[in-house]
Protein backbone atom coordinates (compact mmCIF):
# COMPACT_ATOMS: atom_id res chain seq x y z
CA MET A 1 0.00 0.00 0.00
CA THR A 2 1.38 3.42 -0.93
CA ASP A 3 1.95 6.26 1.52
CA LYS A 4 -0.74 8.29 -0.26
CA ILE A 5 -3.36 5.59 0.30
CA TYR A 6 -2.34 5.25 3.95
CA LEU A 7 -2.74 9.01 4.30
CA GLU A 8 -6.18 9.10 2.69
CA GLU A 9 -7.42 6.14 4.72
CA ALA A 10 -6.34 7.73 7.97
CA ILE A 11 -8.03 11.02 7.19
CA ASP A 12 -11.26 9.37 6.02
CA ASP A 13 -11.63 6.43 8.40
CA LEU A 14 -10.11 7.48 11.72
CA HIS A 15 -11.91 9.77 14.15
CA SER A 16 -10.50 9.96 17.68
CA ILE A 17 -7.19 10.89 19.25
CA VAL A 18 -6.50 7.27 20.13
CA ASP A 19 -7.26 6.28 16.53
CA MET A 20 -4.56 8.66 15.27
CA VAL A 21 -2.02 7.65 17.92
CA ARG A 22 -2.52 3.95 17.14
CA TRP A 23 -2.26 4.58 13.39
CA ALA A 24 0.86 6.70 13.74
CA ALA A 25 2.57 4.11 15.93
CA SER A 26 1.75 1.40 13.39
CA ARG A 27 3.21 3.45 10.55
CA PHE A 28 6.38 4.13 12.57
CA ASN A 29 6.86 0.45 13.37
CA ASP A 30 6.17 -0.55 9.78
CA ALA A 31 8.84 1.92 8.57
CA HIS A 32 11.41 0.67 11.15
CA LEU A 33 12.14 4.18 12.33
CA TYR A 34 14.89 4.86 14.85
CA PHE A 35 13.97 6.63 18.08
CA GLY A 36 16.23 8.47 20.47
CA HIS A 37 15.40 12.17 20.25
CA GLY A 38 12.98 12.46 23.13
CA THR A 39 11.27 9.07 22.90
CA ASP A 40 12.50 5.50 22.63
CA ASN A 41 9.51 3.69 21.07
CA ALA A 42 6.86 4.14 18.40
CA TRP A 43 3.92 4.60 20.79
CA ASP A 44 5.50 7.45 22.76
CA GLU A 45 6.67 9.05 19.51
CA ALA A 46 3.11 8.91 18.18
CA MET A 47 1.76 10.39 21.42
CA ALA A 48 4.26 13.26 21.22
CA LEU A 49 3.46 13.99 17.58
CA VAL A 50 -0.32 13.93 18.03
CA GLY A 51 -0.18 16.01 21.21
CA HIS A 52 1.92 18.69 19.56
CA ALA A 53 -0.21 18.77 16.40
CA LEU A 54 -3.33 19.33 18.52
CA HIS A 55 -1.68 21.98 20.72
CA LEU A 56 -2.27 19.90 23.83
CA PRO A 57 -0.17 20.54 26.96
CA HIS A 58 3.06 18.57 27.32
CA GLU A 59 1.57 16.51 30.15
CA TRP A 60 -1.55 15.60 28.14
CA MET A 61 -0.66 11.89 28.14
CA LEU A 62 -1.39 11.78 31.88
CA GLN A 63 -5.00 12.71 31.12
CA MET A 64 -5.79 9.63 29.02
CA GLN A 65 -8.19 8.25 31.63
CA SER A 66 -10.18 11.49 31.70
CA GLY A 67 -11.82 10.79 28.35
CA LEU A 68 -9.55 13.05 26.31
CA PHE A 69 -8.13 10.05 24.50
CA GLN A 70 -11.55 9.30 22.98
CA ALA A 71 -12.12 12.89 21.81
CA ARG A 72 -13.11 13.13 18.15
CA LEU A 73 -11.05 15.22 15.75
CA THR A 74 -12.00 17.52 12.92
CA ARG A 75 -10.94 16.61 9.40
CA SER A 76 -8.35 19.40 9.34
CA GLU A 77 -6.82 18.06 12.57
CA ARG A 78 -6.63 14.55 11.12
CA GLU A 79 -5.01 15.95 7.95
CA LYS A 80 -2.36 17.80 9.96
CA ILE A 81 -1.48 14.72 12.01
CA ALA A 82 -1.41 12.42 8.99
CA GLU A 83 0.85 14.78 7.05
CA GLN A 84 3.32 15.01 9.94
CA VAL A 85 3.35 11.23 10.33
CA LEU A 86 4.06 10.84 6.61
CA LYS A 87 6.87 13.41 6.82
CA ARG A 88 8.46 11.54 9.74
CA VAL A 89 8.34 8.27 7.79
CA GLN A 90 9.49 9.57 4.42
CA THR A 91 12.29 11.90 5.53
CA ARG A 92 13.50 10.16 8.72
CA LEU A 93 13.64 13.61 10.30
CA PRO A 94 13.72 13.39 14.08
CA LEU A 95 10.35 14.46 15.44
CA PRO A 96 11.67 17.59 17.23
CA TYR A 97 12.82 18.95 13.86
CA ILE A 98 9.28 18.50 12.55
CA THR A 99 7.62 20.12 15.56
CA ASN A 100 10.51 22.56 16.22
CA GLN A 101 10.22 21.75 19.88
CA ALA A 102 12.26 19.69 22.32
CA TRP A 103 12.19 19.37 26.09
CA PHE A 104 15.17 19.43 28.44
CA CYS A 105 15.05 19.67 32.25
CA ASP A 106 11.26 19.94 31.91
CA LEU A 107 11.69 23.12 29.85
CA PRO A 108 10.60 23.66 26.22
CA PHE A 109 13.11 24.74 23.59
CA TYR A 110 13.01 25.67 19.93
CA VAL A 111 15.19 23.41 17.78
CA ASP A 112 15.91 23.03 14.08
CA GLU A 113 18.64 21.44 11.99
CA ARG A 114 21.17 24.09 13.01
CA VAL A 115 21.53 22.45 16.44
CA LEU A 116 21.56 19.07 18.13
CA ILE A 117 18.35 17.91 19.75
CA PRO A 118 18.90 17.99 23.53
CA ARG A 119 19.06 14.59 25.19
CA SER A 120 21.98 14.90 27.61
CA PRO A 121 22.02 13.12 30.98
CA PHE A 122 23.32 16.44 32.32
CA ALA A 123 19.66 17.13 33.08
CA GLU A 124 19.89 14.94 36.18
CA LEU A 125 22.94 16.82 37.47
CA ILE A 126 21.38 20.21 36.80
CA LYS A 127 18.23 19.27 38.69
CA GLY A 128 20.48 18.15 41.56
CA ARG A 129 22.35 21.46 41.36
CA PHE A 130 25.70 19.64 41.08
CA ALA A 131 25.52 18.92 44.80
CA ASN A 132 28.70 16.81 44.83
CA TYR A 133 30.83 19.50 43.20
CA LEU A 134 29.72 22.89 44.53
CA ASP A 135 30.40 24.05 48.07
CA ALA A 136 28.53 27.30 47.54
CA PRO A 137 26.12 28.72 44.96
CA PRO A 138 28.13 29.57 41.83
CA ALA A 139 28.30 33.09 40.46
CA GLN A 140 29.83 32.43 37.03
CA LEU A 141 29.00 29.39 34.89
CA LEU A 142 30.12 28.31 31.43
CA ASP A 143 28.26 26.05 29.02
CA MET A 144 30.89 25.14 26.44
CA CYS A 145 29.55 23.96 23.04
CA THR A 146 26.10 25.24 23.94
CA GLY A 147 24.32 24.48 20.65
CA GLY A 148 20.75 25.69 21.07
CA GLY A 149 21.44 26.91 24.59
CA CYS A 150 19.42 24.27 26.45
CA ILE A 151 22.03 23.44 29.09
CA ALA A 152 22.94 27.10 29.63
CA ILE A 153 19.30 28.08 30.12
CA ALA A 154 18.62 25.14 32.44
CA LEU A 155 21.67 26.19 34.49
CA ALA A 156 20.26 29.71 34.79
CA TYR A 157 16.99 28.29 36.13
CA ALA A 158 18.86 26.09 38.62
CA PHE A 159 21.11 28.91 39.87
CA GLU A 160 18.97 32.02 39.93
CA ASP A 161 21.75 34.39 41.02
CA ALA A 162 24.35 33.19 38.52
CA THR A 163 25.30 34.38 35.06
CA VAL A 164 25.98 31.84 32.32
CA ASP A 165 28.18 32.18 29.25
CA ALA A 166 26.80 30.06 26.40
CA VAL A 167 29.71 29.41 24.04
CA ASP A 168 29.76 27.80 20.61
CA ILE A 169 31.87 28.03 17.45
CA SER A 170 28.79 27.93 15.21
CA SER A 171 27.10 31.26 14.50
CA GLU A 172 24.03 29.36 13.28
CA ALA A 173 23.75 27.44 16.54
CA LEU A 174 24.08 30.68 18.48
CA GLU A 175 21.17 32.17 16.54
CA VAL A 176 19.02 29.36 17.93
CA ALA A 177 20.52 29.79 21.40
CA ASP A 178 19.81 33.53 21.34
CA TYR A 179 16.19 32.86 20.34
CA ASN A 180 15.76 30.41 23.23
CA ILE A 181 17.39 32.80 25.68
CA GLN A 182 14.94 35.50 24.68
CA GLU A 183 11.97 33.13 24.83
CA HIS A 184 12.90 32.23 28.41
CA GLY A 185 13.44 35.88 29.40
CA LEU A 186 17.07 35.35 30.39
CA THR A 187 18.90 37.93 28.28
CA ASP A 188 20.23 39.58 31.45
CA ARG A 189 21.88 36.39 32.74
CA VAL A 190 22.68 34.08 29.80
CA TYR A 191 25.10 35.40 27.19
CA PRO A 192 25.69 33.71 23.81
CA ILE A 193 29.34 34.00 22.77
CA GLN A 194 30.92 32.83 19.54
CA SER A 195 34.27 31.26 20.34
CA ASP A 196 36.42 28.33 19.26
CA LEU A 197 36.40 26.73 22.71
CA PHE A 198 38.22 29.13 25.07
CA SER A 199 39.84 31.29 22.37
CA GLU A 200 37.60 34.35 22.94
CA LEU A 201 37.20 33.99 26.70
CA HIS A 202 40.28 35.99 27.70
CA GLY A 203 40.49 36.41 31.46
CA GLN A 204 37.12 34.78 32.13
CA VAL A 205 37.02 32.56 35.24
CA TYR A 206 34.16 30.23 36.18
CA ASP A 207 33.05 28.36 39.28
CA LEU A 208 31.69 25.55 37.09
CA ILE A 209 32.26 24.59 33.47
CA VAL A 210 29.80 22.20 31.85
CA SER A 211 30.26 20.83 28.35
CA ASN A 212 28.50 18.45 26.02
CA PRO A 213 30.99 18.76 23.14
CA PRO A 214 31.24 16.80 19.89
CA TYR A 215 32.50 13.38 21.01
CA VAL A 216 31.40 10.77 18.46
CA ASP A 217 34.35 8.72 17.25
CA ALA A 218 34.90 7.75 13.62
CA GLU A 219 33.50 4.23 14.02
CA ASP A 220 30.26 5.41 15.63
CA MET A 221 29.85 8.20 13.06
CA ALA A 222 29.92 5.59 10.30
CA ASP A 223 27.17 3.60 12.05
CA LEU A 224 24.76 6.41 12.90
CA PRO A 225 21.07 5.80 12.06
CA ASP A 226 19.53 8.02 9.38
CA GLU A 227 17.76 10.17 11.99
CA TYR A 228 21.06 11.34 13.45
CA ARG A 229 22.44 12.31 10.05
CA HIS A 230 20.02 15.24 9.99
CA GLU A 231 21.90 16.76 12.94
CA PRO A 232 24.92 19.03 12.28
CA GLU A 233 28.05 16.91 11.89
CA LEU A 234 30.08 19.74 13.44
CA ALA A 235 28.26 19.05 16.71
CA LEU A 236 28.87 15.28 16.62
CA ALA A 237 32.22 14.22 15.11
CA ALA A 238 35.49 14.64 17.02
CA GLY A 239 38.24 12.54 15.46
CA ASN A 240 39.16 8.89 15.55
CA ASP A 241 38.58 8.46 19.28
CA GLY A 242 36.06 11.28 19.72
CA LEU A 243 38.31 13.22 22.11
CA ASP A 244 40.05 15.83 19.96
CA LEU A 245 38.12 18.76 21.43
CA VAL A 246 38.09 17.27 24.91
CA GLU A 247 41.90 17.33 25.03
CA ILE A 248 41.98 21.02 24.15
CA MET A 249 39.41 21.78 26.85
CA LEU A 250 41.31 19.78 29.47
CA ARG A 251 44.52 21.65 28.66
CA GLU A 252 42.98 25.12 28.74
CA ALA A 253 40.38 24.75 31.48
CA PRO A 254 42.76 25.42 34.43
CA ASN A 255 43.18 28.99 33.16
CA HIS A 256 39.41 29.51 33.34
CA LEU A 257 38.45 27.70 36.55
CA ALA A 258 38.21 29.25 40.00
CA ASP A 259 40.47 27.69 42.63
CA ASN A 260 37.78 25.28 43.82
CA GLY A 261 36.21 24.98 40.39
CA TRP A 262 35.14 21.86 38.55
CA MET A 263 34.62 20.98 34.92
CA LEU A 264 32.11 18.31 33.90
CA VAL A 265 32.21 16.93 30.36
CA GLU A 266 30.00 14.44 28.56
CA VAL A 267 31.92 12.05 26.29
CA GLY A 268 29.33 9.28 25.83
CA ASN A 269 30.69 6.12 24.26
CA SER A 270 34.11 7.74 23.92
CA GLU A 271 34.51 7.09 27.64
CA VAL A 272 36.28 3.87 26.59
CA HIS A 273 39.12 5.93 25.07
CA MET A 274 39.73 8.29 27.98
CA ALA A 275 42.19 6.16 29.95
CA ALA A 276 44.39 5.62 26.89
CA ARG A 277 44.29 9.28 25.89
CA PHE A 278 44.81 10.69 29.42
CA PRO A 279 46.59 8.04 31.50
CA GLY A 280 46.76 8.95 35.18
CA LEU A 281 44.32 11.88 35.05
CA ALA A 282 42.16 11.86 38.20
CA LEU A 283 38.65 11.75 36.77
CA ASN A 284 35.43 11.28 38.71
CA TRP A 285 32.98 9.33 36.54
CA VAL A 286 29.46 10.41 37.43
CA SER A 287 26.93 7.79 38.49
CA LEU A 288 23.55 8.59 36.96
CA GLU A 289 20.41 7.21 38.58
CA GLN A 290 18.12 8.11 35.67
CA GLY A 291 20.15 6.48 32.91
CA GLY A 292 22.93 7.58 30.63
CA HIS A 293 26.67 7.39 31.00
CA GLY A 294 29.93 8.99 29.96
CA ILE A 295 30.07 12.17 32.08
CA PHE A 296 33.25 12.86 34.01
CA ALA A 297 34.09 15.56 36.55
CA VAL A 298 37.58 16.91 37.05
CA SER A 299 38.80 19.59 39.42
CA LYS A 300 41.12 22.46 38.61
CA SER A 301 43.75 21.08 40.98
CA ALA A 302 43.66 17.64 39.31
CA LEU A 303 44.13 19.20 35.89
CA GLU A 304 47.03 21.36 37.04
CA THR A 305 48.76 18.37 38.64
CA TYR A 306 48.27 16.23 35.55
CA TRP A 307 49.58 18.73 33.02
CA ASN A 308 52.48 19.85 35.22
CA ASN A 309 53.66 16.24 35.55
CA LYS A 310 53.05 15.46 31.88
CA ASP A 311 54.63 18.57 30.40
C-alpha cells in the first residue's frame, strides 16, 4: 500500500485521538524508524506527535483516563497529524525537527537542523544542582559547546543568582541559542558568545564549566542511524577516538576555573578511550540514577597536577 493511500485512509476512516495515535505508531513500526530524540519507542513518539499537532499541553498523556483520548477530531486536525506522520516516515527527520520543539530539564526549547536535539544526561545533574561538586552557589557558569542553549538556560533556572556564558563556534547554533534565551526571558543572565572553545574567553574565570561537546568517534559516526544524520556533523564528530576537542578543553580549562572549580564533560561512548588518551588523570565518573553514561568531573587542581607532571 502506498503512503498516499495510507494518508487518505487515515483522514477518512479514523476519528478519535486514540485512533490517530494507534495509526501513527503502526506506521512508525512498519517503517522501522529509529527513536532516540525524546522518545524510545513508536507509541511514545506517536503520542508526542499527536499532542503537539493538537496543541495539547506537554503533560496531556497523563490525562488519558479522563476521556480526552476518545475525543473526536476535525478533518483538518486529522489531515495535519497524517501529514506530519508521513513526513516523519518519508524523511526520517527526528520528530523535534518537525515540531521545532524539544524538552530538556522539563523546559521547552526551539530546535531546528542548526543544532543538536537535547538529550543529555546532564539534566539529572542540573536538577540536583551539582551537589557533589559545589560548596557554595556559583556566580559564574560556562556552558561550552552550547548548541541551542538548552544546558545554559537550564543552568540559569537552577542557579537564579548566577550568570551563564553560552559558548559555541557555530554562528548558526548561536542564533538558535539567542532565540531560546529571549523566549525564556534570560537575556540579562545568559550570554551567547561565539568562540572556538576558550579562544575568545580571555580572562574569564568560572566556578563551574559544563560541556556536552562533539565526542562521536569515527567508528560510531559511520554507524549512525539516518535520523542522526540530519543533525549538524560539526556538533557530533570529534576525530578517531572522539576526544580531539576534549583534550583542548582539558589543557585550557585550568586557566578559566576558580580555585575550587570543577569541569564536567559528557563524552558518551568515547569514555572507553579516555584512559588511553589521558593516563593517570584523576577523573570522577558520574553515576547517573536516571540512565545515561559517559560524564566525568575533574577539578582544577587535578588538571594542574596532571599537566604539570606530563609537560
